[in-house]
Amino acid sequence: MTQLARQLRDAHRAVAPLPAETRQRLIRHLLAITDLAKRDAGLAARRLDAFLADFQDGADVG
């Protein structure tokens, strides 16, 4: 499993316990990053890093 795949898996696990509305919005964002990874892994990794930084800072990601 690649580092990007592990980070995406961990991000999905991190948003799982959130309230439904918030979780759905964040999962859509993560799915967009996952789709991007199929075409441009480097860009997807940068976007995921930004997503995780915002998420960990408590920002309203998305």
PDB file of N, CA and C in Angstrom:
ATOM      1  N   MET A   1       0.865  -1.177   0.000  1.00  0.00           N
ATOM      2  CA  MET A   1       0.000   0.000   0.000  1.00  0.00           C
ATOM      3  C   MET A   1       0.910   1.238   0.000  1.00  0.00           C
ATOM      4  N   THR A   2       0.589   2.185  -0.838  1.00  0.00           N
ATOM      5  CA  THR A   2       1.410   3.392  -0.920  1.00  0.00           C
ATOM      6  C   THR A   2       1.112   4.335   0.241  1.00  0.00           C
ATOM      7  N   GLN A   3       2.011   5.278   0.433  1.00  0.00           N
ATOM      8  CA  GLN A   3       1.825   6.270   1.490  1.00  0.00           C
ATOM      9  C   GLN A   3       0.525   7.042   1.266  1.00  0.00           C
ATOM     10  N   LEU A   4       0.252   7.431   0.026  1.00  0.00           N
ATOM     11  CA  LEU A   4      -0.969   8.174  -0.287  1.00  0.00           C
ATOM     12  C   LEU A   4      -2.207   7.346   0.060  1.00  0.00           C
ATOM     13  N   ALA A   5      -2.187   6.073  -0.288  1.00  0.00           N
ATOM     14  CA  ALA A   5      -3.330   5.201   0.021  1.00  0.00           C
ATOM     15  C   ALA A   5      -3.536   5.085   1.528  1.00  0.00           C
ATOM     16  N   ARG A   6      -2.438   4.948   2.274  1.00  0.00           N
ATOM     17  CA  ARG A   6      -2.548   4.869   3.736  1.00  0.00           C
ATOM     18  C   ARG A   6      -3.115   6.162   4.314  1.00  0.00           C
ATOM     19  N   GLN A   7      -2.654   7.295   3.800  1.00  0.00           N
ATOM     20  CA  GLN A   7      -3.146   8.580   4.297  1.00  0.00           C
ATOM     21  C   GLN A   7      -4.631   8.748   3.985  1.00  0.00           C
ATOM     22  N   LEU A   8      -5.055   8.337   2.798  1.00  0.00           N
ATOM     23  CA  LEU A   8      -6.475   8.423   2.447  1.00  0.00           C
ATOM     24  C   LEU A   8      -7.308   7.525   3.358  1.00  0.00           C
ATOM     25  N   ARG A   9      -6.834   6.323   3.594  1.00  0.00           N
ATOM     26  CA  ARG A   9      -7.542   5.403   4.497  1.00  0.00           C
ATOM     27  C   ARG A   9      -7.665   6.006   5.895  1.00  0.00           C
ATOM     28  N   ASP A  10      -6.566   6.557   6.385  1.00  0.00           N
ATOM     29  CA  ASP A  10      -6.575   7.157   7.718  1.00  0.00           C
ATOM     30  C   ASP A  10      -7.482   8.383   7.773  1.00  0.00           C
ATOM     31  N   ALA A  11      -7.520   9.157   6.697  1.00  0.00           N
ATOM     32  CA  ALA A  11      -8.395  10.333   6.653  1.00  0.00           C
ATOM     33  C   ALA A  11      -9.858   9.904   6.707  1.00  0.00           C
ATOM     34  N   HIS A  12     -10.202   8.851   5.970  1.00  0.00           N
ATOM     35  CA  HIS A  12     -11.579   8.343   6.009  1.00  0.00           C
ATOM     36  C   HIS A  12     -11.936   7.872   7.418  1.00  0.00           C
ATOM     37  N   ARG A  13     -11.003   7.227   8.070  1.00  0.00           N
ATOM     38  CA  ARG A  13     -11.245   6.768   9.444  1.00  0.00           C
ATOM     39  C   ARG A  13     -11.418   7.946  10.396  1.00  0.00           C
ATOM     40  N   ALA A  14     -10.686   9.028  10.143  1.00  0.00           N
ATOM     41  CA  ALA A  14     -10.758  10.197  11.028  1.00  0.00           C
ATOM     42  C   ALA A  14     -12.100  10.910  10.918  1.00  0.00           C
ATOM     43  N   VAL A  15     -12.693  10.932   9.718  1.00  0.00           N
ATOM     44  CA  VAL A  15     -13.966  11.639   9.556  1.00  0.00           C
ATOM     45  C   VAL A  15     -15.165  10.753   9.891  1.00  0.00           C
ATOM     46  N   ALA A  16     -14.963   9.449   9.990  1.00  0.00           N
ATOM     47  CA  ALA A  16     -16.071   8.517  10.233  1.00  0.00           C
ATOM     48  C   ALA A  16     -16.907   8.839  11.472  1.00  0.00           C
ATOM     49  N   PRO A  17     -16.309   9.237  12.596  1.00  0.00           N
ATOM     50  CA  PRO A  17     -17.138   9.480  13.787  1.00  0.00           C
ATOM     51  C   PRO A  17     -17.840  10.840  13.816  1.00  0.00           C
ATOM     52  N   LEU A  18     -17.647  11.660  12.816  1.00  0.00           N
ATOM     53  CA  LEU A  18     -18.253  12.996  12.806  1.00  0.00           C
ATOM     54  C   LEU A  18     -19.753  12.916  12.530  1.00  0.00           C
ATOM     55  N   PRO A  19     -20.490  13.986  12.828  1.00  0.00           N
ATOM     56  CA  PRO A  19     -21.928  14.019  12.515  1.00  0.00           C
ATOM     57  C   PRO A  19     -22.159  13.790  11.014  1.00  0.00           C
ATOM     58  N   ALA A  20     -23.288  13.213  10.684  1.00  0.00           N
ATOM     59  CA  ALA A  20     -23.570  12.767   9.316  1.00  0.00           C
ATOM     60  C   ALA A  20     -23.368  13.854   8.266  1.00  0.00           C
ATOM     61  N   GLU A  21     -23.913  15.033   8.481  1.00  0.00           N
ATOM     62  CA  GLU A  21     -23.815  16.082   7.466  1.00  0.00           C
ATOM     63  C   GLU A  21     -22.359  16.478   7.215  1.00  0.00           C
ATOM     64  N   THR A  22     -21.620  16.660   8.262  1.00  0.00           N
ATOM     65  CA  THR A  22     -20.204  17.023   8.145  1.00  0.00           C
ATOM     66  C   THR A  22     -19.424  15.886   7.513  1.00  0.00           C
ATOM     67  N   ARG A  23     -19.671  14.678   7.976  1.00  0.00           N
ATOM     68  CA  ARG A  23     -18.970  13.502   7.462  1.00  0.00           C
ATOM     69  C   ARG A  23     -19.192  13.343   5.965  1.00  0.00           C
ATOM     70  N   GLN A  24     -20.426  13.492   5.513  1.00  0.00           N
ATOM     71  CA  GLN A  24     -20.722  13.325   4.090  1.00  0.00           C
ATOM     72  C   GLN A  24     -19.975  14.343   3.244  1.00  0.00           C
ATOM     73  N   ARG A  25     -19.933  15.588   3.712  1.00  0.00           N
ATOM     74  CA  ARG A  25     -19.239  16.638   2.964  1.00  0.00           C
ATOM     75  C   ARG A  25     -17.739  16.340   2.883  1.00  0.00           C
ATOM     76  N   LEU A  26     -17.159  15.931   3.999  1.00  0.00           N
ATOM     77  CA  LEU A  26     -15.729  15.649   4.017  1.00  0.00           C
ATOM     78  C   LEU A  26     -15.391  14.403   3.203  1.00  0.00           C
ATOM     79  N   ILE A  27     -16.254  13.410   3.242  1.00  0.00           N
ATOM     80  CA  ILE A  27     -16.013  12.205   2.445  1.00  0.00           C
ATOM     81  C   ILE A  27     -16.076  12.523   0.956  1.00  0.00           C
ATOM     82  N   ARG A  28     -16.991  13.397   0.551  1.00  0.00           N
ATOM     83  CA  ARG A  28     -17.024  13.808  -0.863  1.00  0.00           C
ATOM     84  C   ARG A  28     -15.695  14.445  -1.258  1.00  0.00           C
ATOM     85  N   HIS A  29     -15.152  15.260  -0.378  1.00  0.00           N
ATOM     86  CA  HIS A  29     -13.859  15.894  -0.638  1.00  0.00           C
ATOM     87  C   HIS A  29     -12.762  14.827  -0.760  1.00  0.00           C
ATOM     88  N   LEU A  30     -12.767  13.860   0.137  1.00  0.00           N
ATOM     89  CA  LEU A  30     -11.771  12.792   0.082  1.00  0.00           C
ATOM     90  C   LEU A  30     -11.928  11.933  -1.172  1.00  0.00           C
ATOM     91  N   LEU A  31     -13.153  11.702  -1.600  1.00  0.00           N
ATOM     92  CA  LEU A  31     -13.368  10.930  -2.827  1.00  0.00           C
ATOM     93  C   LEU A  31     -12.849  11.679  -4.047  1.00  0.00           C
ATOM     94  N   ALA A  32     -12.977  13.000  -4.044  1.00  0.00           N
ATOM     95  CA  ALA A  32     -12.425  13.801  -5.137  1.00  0.00           C
ATOM     96  C   ALA A  32     -10.900  13.681  -5.160  1.00  0.00           C
ATOM     97  N   ILE A  33     -10.291  13.677  -3.992  1.00  0.00           N
ATOM     98  CA  ILE A  33      -8.839  13.514  -3.917  1.00  0.00           C
ATOM     99  C   ILE A  33      -8.447  12.115  -4.394  1.00  0.00           C
ATOM    100  N   THR A  34      -9.220  11.113  -4.013  1.00  0.00           N
ATOM    101  CA  THR A  34      -8.960   9.741  -4.451  1.00  0.00           C
ATOM    102  C   THR A  34      -9.038   9.639  -5.968  1.00  0.00           C
ATOM    103  N   ASP A  35     -10.048  10.258  -6.557  1.00  0.00           N
ATOM    104  CA  ASP A  35     -10.190  10.244  -8.009  1.00  0.00           C
ATOM    105  C   ASP A  35      -9.008  10.953  -8.670  1.00  0.00           C
ATOM    106  N   LEU A  36      -8.589  12.068  -8.106  1.00  0.00           N
ATOM    107  CA  LEU A  36      -7.444  12.799  -8.639  1.00  0.00           C
ATOM    108  C   LEU A  36      -6.184  11.947  -8.594  1.00  0.00           C
ATOM    109  N   ALA A  37      -6.042  11.130  -7.573  1.00  0.00           N
ATOM    110  CA  ALA A  37      -4.853  10.288  -7.423  1.00  0.00           C
ATOM    111  C   ALA A  37      -4.682   9.330  -8.597  1.00  0.00           C
ATOM    112  N   LYS A  38      -5.762   8.979  -9.259  1.00  0.00           N
ATOM    113  CA  LYS A  38      -5.684   8.090 -10.419  1.00  0.00           C
ATOM    114  C   LYS A  38      -4.971   8.769 -11.579  1.00  0.00           C
ATOM    115  N   ARG A  39      -5.032  10.100 -11.625  1.00  0.00           N
ATOM    116  CA  ARG A  39      -4.443  10.851 -12.730  1.00  0.00           C
ATOM    117  C   ARG A  39      -3.156  11.570 -12.354  1.00  0.00           C
ATOM    118  N   ASP A  40      -3.072  12.060 -11.126  1.00  0.00           N
ATOM    119  CA  ASP A  40      -1.920  12.860 -10.702  1.00  0.00           C
ATOM    120  C   ASP A  40      -1.684  12.640  -9.210  1.00  0.00           C
ATOM    121  N   ALA A  41      -0.877  11.645  -8.903  1.00  0.00           N
ATOM    122  CA  ALA A  41      -0.648  11.275  -7.504  1.00  0.00           C
ATOM    123  C   ALA A  41       0.026  12.397  -6.721  1.00  0.00           C
ATOM    124  N   GLY A  42       0.917  13.124  -7.352  1.00  0.00           N
ATOM    125  CA  GLY A  42       1.605  14.213  -6.662  1.00  0.00           C
ATOM    126  C   GLY A  42       0.655  15.312  -6.232  1.00  0.00           C
ATOM    127  N   LEU A  43      -0.206  15.720  -7.140  1.00  0.00           N
ATOM    128  CA  LEU A  43      -1.186  16.759  -6.818  1.00  0.00           C
ATOM    129  C   LEU A  43      -2.170  16.256  -5.764  1.00  0.00           C
ATOM    130  N   ALA A  44      -2.587  15.010  -5.898  1.00  0.00           N
ATOM    131  CA  ALA A  44      -3.507  14.434  -4.909  1.00  0.00           C
ATOM    132  C   ALA A  44      -2.858  14.418  -3.525  1.00  0.00           C
ATOM    133  N   ALA A  45      -1.586  14.087  -3.460  1.00  0.00           N
ATOM    134  CA  ALA A  45      -0.886  14.064  -2.171  1.00  0.00           C
ATOM    135  C   ALA A  45      -0.833  15.459  -1.562  1.00  0.00           C
ATOM    136  N   ARG A  46      -0.569  16.464  -2.383  1.00  0.00           N
ATOM    137  CA  ARG A  46      -0.536  17.842  -1.870  1.00  0.00           C
ATOM    138  C   ARG A  46      -1.911  18.276  -1.376  1.00  0.00           C
ATOM    139  N   ARG A  47      -2.956  17.938  -2.125  1.00  0.00           N
ATOM    140  CA  ARG A  47      -4.316  18.301  -1.695  1.00  0.00           C
ATOM    141  C   ARG A  47      -4.714  17.564  -0.420  1.00  0.00           C
ATOM    142  N   LEU A  48      -4.320  16.312  -0.319  1.00  0.00           N
ATOM    143  CA  LEU A  48      -4.621  15.556   0.896  1.00  0.00           C
ATOM    144  C   LEU A  48      -3.871  16.147   2.089  1.00  0.00           C
ATOM    145  N   ASP A  49      -2.615  16.524   1.884  1.00  0.00           N
ATOM    146  CA  ASP A  49      -1.857  17.159   2.971  1.00  0.00           C
ATOM    147  C   ASP A  49      -2.555  18.429   3.441  1.00  0.00           C
ATOM    148  N   ALA A  50      -3.044  19.237   2.498  1.00  0.00           N
ATOM    149  CA  ALA A  50      -3.753  20.472   2.855  1.00  0.00           C
ATOM    150  C   ALA A  50      -5.055  20.143   3.587  1.00  0.00           C
ATOM    151  N   PHE A  51      -5.777  19.140   3.100  1.00  0.00           N
ATOM    152  CA  PHE A  51      -7.015  18.711   3.746  1.00  0.00           C
ATOM    153  C   PHE A  51      -6.741  18.289   5.188  1.00  0.00           C
ATOM    154  N   LEU A  52      -5.722  17.450   5.377  1.00  0.00           N
ATOM    155  CA  LEU A  52      -5.405  16.946   6.713  1.00  0.00           C
ATOM    156  C   LEU A  52      -4.951  18.065   7.644  1.00  0.00           C
ATOM    157  N   ALA A  53      -4.185  19.003   7.122  1.00  0.00           N
ATOM    158  CA  ALA A  53      -3.740  20.135   7.948  1.00  0.00           C
ATOM    159  C   ALA A  53      -4.942  20.947   8.414  1.00  0.00           C
ATOM    160  N   ASP A  54      -5.868  21.220   7.497  1.00  0.00           N
ATOM    161  CA  ASP A  54      -7.076  21.967   7.863  1.00  0.00           C
ATOM    162  C   ASP A  54      -7.930  21.171   8.845  1.00  0.00           C
ATOM    163  N   PHE A  55      -8.062  19.883   8.604  1.00  0.00           N
ATOM    164  CA  PHE A  55      -8.869  19.025   9.467  1.00  0.00           C
ATOM    165  C   PHE A  55      -8.284  18.983  10.879  1.00  0.00           C
ATOM    166  N   GLN A  56      -6.979  18.837  10.979  1.00  0.00           N
ATOM    167  CA  GLN A  56      -6.327  18.759  12.286  1.00  0.00           C
ATOM    168  C   GLN A  56      -6.370  20.091  13.018  1.00  0.00           C
ATOM    169  N   ASP A  57      -6.403  21.187  12.264  1.00  0.00           N
ATOM    170  CA  ASP A  57      -6.504  22.518  12.876  1.00  0.00           C
ATOM    171  C   ASP A  57      -7.931  22.836  13.298  1.00  0.00           C
ATOM    172  N   GLY A  58      -8.864  21.960  12.946  1.00  0.00           N
ATOM    173  CA  GLY A  58     -10.256  22.175  13.322  1.00  0.00           C
ATOM    174  C   GLY A  58     -11.004  23.074  12.364  1.00  0.00           C
ATOM    175  N   ALA A  59     -10.417  23.351  11.210  1.00  0.00           N
ATOM    176  CA  ALA A  59     -11.078  24.199  10.221  1.00  0.00           C
ATOM    177  C   ALA A  59     -12.254  23.453   9.607  1.00  0.00           C
ATOM    178  N   ASP A  60     -13.192  24.213   9.073  1.00  0.00           N
ATOM    179  CA  ASP A  60     -14.346  23.638   8.381  1.00  0.00           C
ATOM    180  C   ASP A  60     -13.889  23.270   6.975  1.00  0.00           C
ATOM    181  N   VAL A  61     -13.253  22.121   6.829  1.00  0.00           N
ATOM    182  CA  VAL A  61     -12.646  21.688   5.578  1.00  0.00           C
ATOM    183  C   VAL A  61     -13.711  21.516   4.514  1.00  0.00           C
ATOM    184  N   GLY A  62     -13.356  21.888   3.315  1.00  0.00           N
ATOM    185  CA  GLY A  62     -14.263  21.662   2.206  1.00  0.00           C
ATOM    186  C   GLY A  62     -14.718  22.930   1.688  1.00  0.00           C
TER     187      GLY A  62
END
